[in-house]
Amino acid sequence: MMSENPIVSKSFAFALRTVKLCRILADEHKEYTLSRELLSSGTNIGRYVKAAVSGESRDSFVQNMGKALQQADITEYWLQLISFAQLLNENEYESIERDRKELAKMLTNIVKTSRGKL
């Protein structure tokens, strides 16, 4: 990723990691429904971050970062479900969840700080 903006870089890396995980879920476990849901929410984090930084106004920035945070929360749900369904081992789950949690914390701070400036 070419961006030097940490949230853009981290959300892109997380999206790429999500794509790879979903490919494994589909190929090795023949799990298509949950992997599609995870693929959608996990990649939408970066989609909304990109829209936020490319936005036309501070209001647009805050709205899109808020949507990215919401997608991070939805991704947590799908990862937990996939883990409890024993489609991920504990180490795999903890590793990707750690990355998701880091993104969620960054997004929370961005949204709180930006809303305070509106």
Protein backbone atom coordinates (compact mmCIF):
# COMPACT_ATOMS: atom_id res chain seq x y z
CA MET A 1 0.00 0.00 0.00
CA MET A 2 1.41 3.35 -0.99
CA SER A 3 -0.32 5.51 1.60
CA GLU A 4 1.63 6.82 4.55
CA ASN A 5 -1.60 7.42 6.46
CA PRO A 6 -1.58 4.70 9.17
CA ILE A 7 -5.35 4.07 9.17
CA VAL A 8 -5.42 3.76 5.37
CA SER A 9 -2.43 1.38 5.37
CA LYS A 10 -3.69 -0.73 8.26
CA SER A 11 -7.24 -0.99 6.92
CA PHE A 12 -5.90 -2.03 3.49
CA ALA A 13 -3.62 -4.65 5.06
CA PHE A 14 -6.55 -5.95 7.12
CA ALA A 15 -8.72 -6.15 4.00
CA LEU A 16 -6.03 -8.14 2.22
CA ARG A 17 -5.69 -10.46 5.20
CA THR A 18 -9.47 -10.91 5.23
CA VAL A 19 -9.48 -11.82 1.52
CA LYS A 20 -6.83 -14.47 2.15
CA LEU A 21 -8.69 -15.89 5.15
CA CYS A 22 -11.95 -16.06 3.20
CA ARG A 23 -10.20 -17.88 0.39
CA ILE A 24 -8.95 -20.47 2.91
CA LEU A 25 -12.41 -20.81 4.46
CA ALA A 26 -13.91 -21.45 1.03
CA ASP A 27 -11.18 -23.73 -0.31
CA GLU A 28 -10.33 -25.79 2.77
CA HIS A 29 -13.58 -25.76 4.74
CA LYS A 30 -16.10 -25.28 1.92
CA GLU A 31 -17.58 -22.47 4.01
CA TYR A 32 -19.10 -19.94 1.63
CA THR A 33 -21.85 -18.14 3.53
CA LEU A 34 -19.86 -17.01 6.56
CA SER A 35 -16.79 -16.27 4.47
CA ARG A 36 -18.84 -13.97 2.19
CA GLU A 37 -20.15 -12.06 5.20
CA LEU A 38 -16.65 -11.75 6.63
CA LEU A 39 -15.27 -10.71 3.24
CA SER A 40 -17.86 -7.96 2.98
CA SER A 41 -17.43 -6.46 6.43
CA GLY A 42 -13.67 -6.96 6.61
CA THR A 43 -13.00 -5.22 3.29
CA ASN A 44 -15.62 -2.52 3.86
CA ILE A 45 -13.55 -1.14 6.73
CA GLY A 46 -10.91 -0.02 4.24
CA ARG A 47 -13.51 1.05 1.71
CA TYR A 48 -15.05 3.52 4.15
CA VAL A 49 -11.66 4.71 5.39
CA LYS A 50 -10.64 5.44 1.80
CA ALA A 51 -13.91 7.28 1.22
CA ALA A 52 -13.36 9.28 4.40
CA VAL A 53 -9.89 10.49 3.52
CA SER A 54 -11.04 11.29 -0.02
CA GLY A 55 -14.15 13.06 1.28
CA GLU A 56 -15.29 16.53 0.46
CA SER A 57 -16.06 17.74 3.96
CA ARG A 58 -15.36 17.10 7.63
CA ASP A 59 -18.94 15.82 8.00
CA SER A 60 -18.35 13.30 5.21
CA PHE A 61 -15.07 12.29 6.87
CA VAL A 62 -16.76 11.65 10.22
CA GLN A 63 -19.66 9.74 8.65
CA ASN A 64 -17.40 7.45 6.65
CA MET A 65 -15.03 6.81 9.56
CA GLY A 66 -18.12 5.98 11.65
CA LYS A 67 -19.22 3.51 8.98
CA ALA A 68 -15.73 1.98 8.97
CA LEU A 69 -15.95 1.55 12.75
CA GLN A 70 -19.36 -0.07 12.38
CA GLN A 71 -17.91 -2.51 9.83
CA ALA A 72 -15.06 -3.31 12.26
CA ASP A 73 -17.68 -4.19 14.88
CA ILE A 74 -19.59 -6.37 12.40
CA THR A 75 -16.34 -8.08 11.46
CA GLU A 76 -15.78 -8.92 15.13
CA TYR A 77 -19.12 -10.76 15.13
CA TRP A 78 -18.28 -12.82 12.03
CA LEU A 79 -14.80 -13.67 13.31
CA GLN A 80 -16.24 -14.83 16.63
CA LEU A 81 -18.85 -16.95 14.88
CA ILE A 82 -16.26 -18.50 12.57
CA SER A 83 -14.02 -19.20 15.54
CA PHE A 84 -16.78 -20.77 17.63
CA ALA A 85 -17.77 -22.88 14.62
CA GLN A 86 -14.20 -24.22 14.82
CA LEU A 87 -13.28 -23.00 11.35
CA LEU A 88 -10.28 -21.14 12.79
CA ASN A 89 -7.92 -22.36 15.44
CA GLU A 90 -7.36 -20.23 18.53
CA ASN A 91 -4.05 -18.77 17.35
CA GLU A 92 -5.47 -17.80 13.94
CA TYR A 93 -8.47 -16.15 15.59
CA GLU A 94 -6.41 -14.28 18.17
CA SER A 95 -4.02 -13.00 15.51
CA ILE A 96 -6.64 -11.54 13.18
CA GLU A 97 -8.78 -10.33 16.09
CA ARG A 98 -5.77 -8.44 17.48
CA ASP A 99 -5.44 -6.63 14.14
CA ARG A 100 -9.18 -5.92 14.00
CA LYS A 101 -9.16 -4.59 17.57
CA GLU A 102 -6.24 -2.28 16.77
CA LEU A 103 -8.15 -0.90 13.78
CA ALA A 104 -11.31 -0.46 15.86
CA LYS A 105 -9.38 1.47 18.53
CA MET A 106 -7.82 3.74 15.91
CA LEU A 107 -11.20 4.34 14.29
CA THR A 108 -12.85 5.04 17.66
CA ASN A 109 -10.22 7.67 18.45
CA ILE A 110 -10.56 9.25 15.00
CA VAL A 111 -14.35 9.41 15.23
CA LYS A 112 -14.38 10.79 18.79
CA THR A 113 -11.74 13.42 18.00
CA SER A 114 -13.38 14.42 14.71
CA ARG A 115 -16.87 14.67 16.20
CA GLY A 116 -15.51 17.00 18.85
CA LYS A 117 -14.32 19.33 16.12
CA LEU A 118 -17.68 19.56 14.33
